[in-house]
Amino acid sequence: MKQIRYLLDENVPHAIRDGLLRRRPEVEILAVGSEIAPPLSTPDPEILSWIEREGYILITENRSTMPQHLRDHLEAGRHIPGIFILPRKYTIGGVIEDLLLIWEAAYPDEYQDKITYLPL
């Protein structure tokens, strides 16, 4: 079975990636601005195209414009593996626990074309 992969938006703390990898080194998680991910300052519509093409779920704090960008993306007949929006106040440990649970238990297409607000 294909495993879920994550992309951290550029404003999400890298401590989430680091904590996930400490717990489960086999998790595929990239951050915007890293070598094979989109560069820093990539516009949201381009991030959505990238996650669609590469098969990553986006983890973001962007609750203001991302929902509209996703609507536009879907109305254009496109798809995405999913978007997880972090709460305004969260603990890094709590986010790591949620992402691990999702990674271990979810089907790869379970969050397709949806925005899911964490915590679960």
N, C-alpha and C. Protein backbone atom coordinates (compact mmCIF):
# COMPACT_ATOMS: atom_id res chain seq x y z
N MET A 1 0.84 -1.18 0.00
CA MET A 1 0.00 0.00 0.00
C MET A 1 0.89 1.24 0.00
N LYS A 2 0.50 2.21 -0.80
CA LYS A 2 1.23 3.47 -0.88
C LYS A 2 1.06 4.24 0.43
N GLN A 3 2.15 4.80 0.93
CA GLN A 3 2.14 5.50 2.21
C GLN A 3 1.90 6.99 2.01
N ILE A 4 1.25 7.61 2.98
CA ILE A 4 1.04 9.06 2.97
C ILE A 4 2.39 9.76 3.08
N ARG A 5 2.51 10.88 2.35
CA ARG A 5 3.70 11.72 2.40
C ARG A 5 3.25 13.14 2.72
N TYR A 6 4.10 13.88 3.43
CA TYR A 6 3.74 15.22 3.90
C TYR A 6 4.67 16.29 3.32
N LEU A 7 4.08 17.47 3.08
CA LEU A 7 4.84 18.67 2.74
C LEU A 7 4.46 19.76 3.73
N LEU A 8 5.45 20.30 4.45
CA LEU A 8 5.21 21.41 5.36
C LEU A 8 5.26 22.72 4.58
N ASP A 9 4.24 23.54 4.75
CA ASP A 9 4.25 24.89 4.18
C ASP A 9 5.39 25.67 4.83
N GLU A 10 5.81 26.73 4.22
CA GLU A 10 7.02 27.41 4.69
C GLU A 10 6.89 28.04 6.07
N ASN A 11 5.69 28.29 6.56
CA ASN A 11 5.53 28.90 7.88
C ASN A 11 5.31 27.89 9.01
N VAL A 12 5.29 26.62 8.67
CA VAL A 12 5.11 25.57 9.68
C VAL A 12 6.48 25.25 10.29
N PRO A 13 6.57 25.19 11.61
CA PRO A 13 7.87 24.93 12.24
C PRO A 13 8.49 23.60 11.81
N HIS A 14 9.77 23.65 11.49
CA HIS A 14 10.48 22.44 11.08
C HIS A 14 10.61 21.45 12.23
N ALA A 15 10.35 21.91 13.45
CA ALA A 15 10.38 20.99 14.60
C ALA A 15 9.34 19.89 14.43
N ILE A 16 8.27 20.15 13.69
CA ILE A 16 7.27 19.11 13.41
C ILE A 16 7.90 18.02 12.55
N ARG A 17 8.59 18.43 11.49
CA ARG A 17 9.28 17.45 10.64
C ARG A 17 10.32 16.68 11.44
N ASP A 18 11.12 17.40 12.21
CA ASP A 18 12.19 16.76 12.97
C ASP A 18 11.64 15.77 13.99
N GLY A 19 10.56 16.15 14.65
CA GLY A 19 9.94 15.26 15.64
C GLY A 19 9.33 14.02 15.01
N LEU A 20 8.68 14.20 13.86
CA LEU A 20 8.14 13.04 13.14
C LEU A 20 9.25 12.08 12.76
N LEU A 21 10.32 12.61 12.23
CA LEU A 21 11.42 11.76 11.76
C LEU A 21 12.14 11.08 12.92
N ARG A 22 12.17 11.73 14.08
CA ARG A 22 12.77 11.08 15.26
C ARG A 22 11.93 9.86 15.66
N ARG A 23 10.62 10.02 15.60
CA ARG A 23 9.72 8.93 15.99
C ARG A 23 9.63 7.84 14.93
N ARG A 24 9.56 8.26 13.66
CA ARG A 24 9.40 7.31 12.55
C ARG A 24 10.26 7.79 11.38
N PRO A 25 11.54 7.38 11.33
CA PRO A 25 12.45 7.85 10.29
C PRO A 25 11.99 7.54 8.86
N GLU A 26 11.09 6.58 8.72
CA GLU A 26 10.64 6.21 7.37
C GLU A 26 9.53 7.11 6.83
N VAL A 27 9.01 8.05 7.63
CA VAL A 27 8.00 8.99 7.14
C VAL A 27 8.64 9.89 6.09
N GLU A 28 7.95 10.04 4.96
CA GLU A 28 8.43 10.98 3.94
C GLU A 28 7.80 12.33 4.24
N ILE A 29 8.64 13.29 4.62
CA ILE A 29 8.16 14.63 4.93
C ILE A 29 9.18 15.64 4.45
N LEU A 30 8.70 16.57 3.65
CA LEU A 30 9.53 17.64 3.10
C LEU A 30 9.01 18.97 3.62
N ALA A 31 9.81 20.00 3.47
CA ALA A 31 9.39 21.36 3.80
C ALA A 31 9.60 22.23 2.57
N VAL A 32 8.66 23.14 2.33
CA VAL A 32 8.83 24.10 1.25
C VAL A 32 10.17 24.80 1.49
N GLY A 33 10.96 24.89 0.44
CA GLY A 33 12.29 25.49 0.53
C GLY A 33 13.40 24.46 0.61
N SER A 34 13.05 23.19 0.87
CA SER A 34 14.09 22.16 0.88
C SER A 34 14.40 21.76 -0.56
N GLU A 35 15.44 20.98 -0.72
CA GLU A 35 16.03 20.73 -2.03
C GLU A 35 15.05 20.25 -3.11
N ILE A 36 14.22 19.26 -2.82
CA ILE A 36 13.34 18.73 -3.89
C ILE A 36 11.90 19.23 -3.77
N ALA A 37 11.65 20.12 -2.81
CA ALA A 37 10.31 20.70 -2.61
C ALA A 37 10.22 22.03 -3.35
N PRO A 38 9.02 22.60 -3.43
CA PRO A 38 8.91 23.93 -4.04
C PRO A 38 9.76 24.94 -3.26
N PRO A 39 10.27 25.96 -3.95
CA PRO A 39 11.10 26.97 -3.27
C PRO A 39 10.26 27.86 -2.35
N LEU A 40 10.95 28.53 -1.43
CA LEU A 40 10.28 29.50 -0.57
C LEU A 40 9.57 30.54 -1.41
N SER A 41 8.47 31.06 -0.92
CA SER A 41 7.65 32.09 -1.58
C SER A 41 6.90 31.57 -2.80
N THR A 42 6.80 30.26 -2.97
CA THR A 42 5.99 29.71 -4.06
C THR A 42 4.53 30.05 -3.79
N PRO A 43 3.82 30.61 -4.77
CA PRO A 43 2.40 30.95 -4.57
C PRO A 43 1.56 29.69 -4.27
N ASP A 44 0.52 29.89 -3.48
CA ASP A 44 -0.33 28.76 -3.07
C ASP A 44 -0.85 27.93 -4.24
N PRO A 45 -1.34 28.53 -5.33
CA PRO A 45 -1.82 27.69 -6.44
C PRO A 45 -0.72 26.78 -7.00
N GLU A 46 0.52 27.24 -7.00
CA GLU A 46 1.63 26.41 -7.48
C GLU A 46 1.95 25.30 -6.48
N ILE A 47 1.79 25.59 -5.19
CA ILE A 47 1.97 24.54 -4.17
C ILE A 47 0.93 23.44 -4.40
N LEU A 48 -0.31 23.83 -4.66
CA LEU A 48 -1.35 22.83 -4.90
C LEU A 48 -1.03 21.99 -6.13
N SER A 49 -0.54 22.61 -7.18
CA SER A 49 -0.15 21.84 -8.37
C SER A 49 0.99 20.88 -8.05
N TRP A 50 1.94 21.33 -7.23
CA TRP A 50 3.07 20.48 -6.87
C TRP A 50 2.61 19.27 -6.05
N ILE A 51 1.75 19.49 -5.02
CA ILE A 51 1.31 18.35 -4.21
C ILE A 51 0.46 17.39 -5.03
N GLU A 52 -0.28 17.92 -6.00
CA GLU A 52 -1.05 17.04 -6.89
C GLU A 52 -0.10 16.16 -7.70
N ARG A 53 0.89 16.77 -8.29
CA ARG A 53 1.83 16.06 -9.16
C ARG A 53 2.70 15.07 -8.38
N GLU A 54 3.14 15.47 -7.18
CA GLU A 54 4.10 14.67 -6.42
C GLU A 54 3.47 13.76 -5.37
N GLY A 55 2.18 13.99 -5.06
CA GLY A 55 1.48 13.10 -4.14
C GLY A 55 1.74 13.33 -2.66
N TYR A 56 1.87 14.58 -2.26
CA TYR A 56 2.09 14.93 -0.86
C TYR A 56 0.87 15.63 -0.29
N ILE A 57 0.57 15.37 0.99
CA ILE A 57 -0.45 16.12 1.72
C ILE A 57 0.21 17.37 2.29
N LEU A 58 -0.42 18.51 2.09
CA LEU A 58 0.12 19.79 2.58
C LEU A 58 -0.28 20.01 4.03
N ILE A 59 0.68 20.41 4.84
CA ILE A 59 0.43 20.82 6.23
C ILE A 59 0.69 22.32 6.28
N THR A 60 -0.33 23.08 6.66
CA THR A 60 -0.24 24.54 6.60
C THR A 60 -0.96 25.19 7.76
N GLU A 61 -0.63 26.44 8.00
CA GLU A 61 -1.37 27.28 8.95
C GLU A 61 -2.29 28.24 8.19
N ASN A 62 -2.27 28.20 6.87
CA ASN A 62 -2.98 29.16 6.03
C ASN A 62 -4.46 28.82 5.94
N ARG A 63 -5.23 29.39 6.84
CA ARG A 63 -6.68 29.16 6.81
C ARG A 63 -7.40 30.30 6.11
N SER A 64 -6.66 31.38 5.75
CA SER A 64 -7.33 32.53 5.15
C SER A 64 -7.50 32.38 3.64
N THR A 65 -6.46 32.00 2.91
CA THR A 65 -6.59 31.95 1.45
C THR A 65 -6.58 30.52 0.88
N MET A 66 -6.05 29.56 1.62
CA MET A 66 -5.93 28.21 1.07
C MET A 66 -7.29 27.59 0.69
N PRO A 67 -8.36 27.77 1.49
CA PRO A 67 -9.64 27.20 1.07
C PRO A 67 -10.11 27.69 -0.30
N GLN A 68 -9.94 28.99 -0.59
CA GLN A 68 -10.35 29.51 -1.90
C GLN A 68 -9.44 28.97 -3.00
N HIS A 69 -8.15 28.89 -2.74
CA HIS A 69 -7.24 28.32 -3.75
C HIS A 69 -7.60 26.87 -4.05
N LEU A 70 -7.98 26.12 -3.01
CA LEU A 70 -8.39 24.73 -3.25
C LEU A 70 -9.67 24.68 -4.06
N ARG A 71 -10.64 25.52 -3.75
CA ARG A 71 -11.88 25.54 -4.56
C ARG A 71 -11.57 25.82 -6.02
N ASP A 72 -10.72 26.80 -6.28
CA ASP A 72 -10.34 27.13 -7.66
C ASP A 72 -9.66 25.94 -8.32
N HIS A 73 -8.78 25.27 -7.59
CA HIS A 73 -8.04 24.12 -8.11
C HIS A 73 -9.00 22.99 -8.49
N LEU A 74 -9.96 22.71 -7.59
CA LEU A 74 -10.92 21.64 -7.85
C LEU A 74 -11.88 22.00 -8.97
N GLU A 75 -12.29 23.27 -9.04
CA GLU A 75 -13.19 23.70 -10.11
C GLU A 75 -12.53 23.61 -11.48
N ALA A 76 -11.21 23.64 -11.50
CA ALA A 76 -10.46 23.49 -12.76
C ALA A 76 -10.29 22.01 -13.13
N GLY A 77 -10.92 21.12 -12.35
CA GLY A 77 -10.84 19.69 -12.65
C GLY A 77 -9.59 19.02 -12.12
N ARG A 78 -8.91 19.68 -11.21
CA ARG A 78 -7.66 19.15 -10.64
C ARG A 78 -7.96 18.44 -9.33
N HIS A 79 -6.98 17.80 -8.77
CA HIS A 79 -7.13 17.07 -7.51
C HIS A 79 -5.89 17.27 -6.65
N ILE A 80 -6.01 16.97 -5.37
CA ILE A 80 -4.87 17.00 -4.44
C ILE A 80 -5.01 15.83 -3.48
N PRO A 81 -3.89 15.38 -2.88
CA PRO A 81 -3.98 14.33 -1.88
C PRO A 81 -4.61 14.79 -0.57
N GLY A 82 -4.60 16.10 -0.30
CA GLY A 82 -5.23 16.62 0.90
C GLY A 82 -4.45 17.79 1.48
N ILE A 83 -5.12 18.51 2.39
CA ILE A 83 -4.52 19.62 3.11
C ILE A 83 -4.91 19.47 4.57
N PHE A 84 -3.91 19.57 5.46
CA PHE A 84 -4.16 19.62 6.90
C PHE A 84 -3.85 21.03 7.36
N ILE A 85 -4.84 21.66 7.99
CA ILE A 85 -4.64 23.01 8.51
C ILE A 85 -4.49 22.92 10.02
N LEU A 86 -3.39 23.48 10.50
CA LEU A 86 -3.10 23.47 11.93
C LEU A 86 -3.99 24.47 12.65
N PRO A 87 -4.34 24.17 13.91
CA PRO A 87 -5.13 25.13 14.68
C PRO A 87 -4.32 26.38 15.00
N ARG A 88 -5.00 27.44 15.39
CA ARG A 88 -4.30 28.69 15.72
C ARG A 88 -3.33 28.49 16.88
N LYS A 89 -3.73 27.71 17.84
CA LYS A 89 -2.85 27.39 18.98
C LYS A 89 -2.70 25.88 19.01
N TYR A 90 -1.47 25.44 18.98
CA TYR A 90 -1.22 24.00 18.99
C TYR A 90 0.11 23.72 19.66
N THR A 91 0.27 22.48 20.06
CA THR A 91 1.57 22.06 20.54
C THR A 91 2.21 21.23 19.45
N ILE A 92 3.50 21.35 19.32
CA ILE A 92 4.21 20.58 18.29
C ILE A 92 4.03 19.09 18.56
N GLY A 93 4.09 18.69 19.83
CA GLY A 93 3.89 17.28 20.16
C GLY A 93 2.52 16.77 19.76
N GLY A 94 1.49 17.59 19.95
CA GLY A 94 0.13 17.19 19.56
C GLY A 94 0.00 17.03 18.06
N VAL A 95 0.61 17.94 17.30
CA VAL A 95 0.57 17.84 15.84
C VAL A 95 1.31 16.58 15.38
N ILE A 96 2.46 16.32 15.99
CA ILE A 96 3.23 15.13 15.63
C ILE A 96 2.40 13.87 15.88
N GLU A 97 1.73 13.82 17.03
CA GLU A 97 0.88 12.65 17.34
C GLU A 97 -0.21 12.47 16.29
N ASP A 98 -0.89 13.56 15.92
CA ASP A 98 -1.94 13.47 14.89
C ASP A 98 -1.37 12.99 13.56
N LEU A 99 -0.25 13.57 13.15
CA LEU A 99 0.32 13.19 11.85
C LEU A 99 0.81 11.75 11.86
N LEU A 100 1.33 11.28 12.97
CA LEU A 100 1.74 9.87 13.07
C LEU A 100 0.53 8.95 12.99
N LEU A 101 -0.52 9.30 13.69
CA LEU A 101 -1.75 8.49 13.65
C LEU A 101 -2.28 8.41 12.23
N ILE A 102 -2.34 9.53 11.55
CA ILE A 102 -2.82 9.56 10.17
C ILE A 102 -1.90 8.71 9.29
N TRP A 103 -0.60 8.89 9.43
CA TRP A 103 0.37 8.18 8.61
C TRP A 103 0.24 6.66 8.80
N GLU A 104 0.01 6.24 10.06
CA GLU A 104 -0.07 4.82 10.36
C GLU A 104 -1.40 4.20 9.98
N ALA A 105 -2.50 4.96 10.05
CA ALA A 105 -3.82 4.35 9.94
C ALA A 105 -4.63 4.72 8.70
N ALA A 106 -4.32 5.83 8.05
CA ALA A 106 -5.18 6.32 6.97
C ALA A 106 -4.84 5.66 5.63
N TYR A 107 -5.84 5.57 4.80
CA TYR A 107 -5.62 5.17 3.41
C TYR A 107 -5.06 6.37 2.66
N PRO A 108 -4.20 6.15 1.67
CA PRO A 108 -3.58 7.27 0.96
C PRO A 108 -4.58 8.24 0.32
N ASP A 109 -5.75 7.75 -0.08
CA ASP A 109 -6.72 8.65 -0.74
C ASP A 109 -7.82 9.14 0.21
N GLU A 110 -7.66 8.86 1.48
CA GLU A 110 -8.70 9.20 2.46
C GLU A 110 -8.96 10.70 2.57
N TYR A 111 -7.94 11.51 2.33
CA TYR A 111 -8.07 12.96 2.48
C TYR A 111 -8.07 13.68 1.13
N GLN A 112 -8.19 12.92 0.06
CA GLN A 112 -8.12 13.51 -1.28
C GLN A 112 -9.16 14.61 -1.46
N ASP A 113 -8.69 15.74 -2.00
CA ASP A 113 -9.53 16.89 -2.35
C ASP A 113 -10.22 17.54 -1.15
N LYS A 114 -9.69 17.31 0.06
CA LYS A 114 -10.31 17.85 1.27
C LYS A 114 -9.32 18.68 2.06
N ILE A 115 -9.90 19.61 2.81
CA ILE A 115 -9.16 20.29 3.87
C ILE A 115 -9.61 19.66 5.18
N THR A 116 -8.65 19.24 5.98
CA THR A 116 -8.93 18.68 7.29
C THR A 116 -8.27 19.58 8.33
N TYR A 117 -9.06 19.97 9.31
CA TYR A 117 -8.53 20.83 10.37
C TYR A 117 -8.07 19.95 11.53
N LEU A 118 -6.82 20.13 11.91
CA LEU A 118 -6.29 19.41 13.07
C LEU A 118 -6.59 20.22 14.31
N PRO A 119 -6.72 19.62 15.49
CA PRO A 119 -6.54 18.21 15.78
C PRO A 119 -7.71 17.40 15.26
N LEU A 120 -7.47 16.10 15.13
CA LEU A 120 -8.51 15.19 14.63
C LEU A 120 -9.67 15.12 15.59
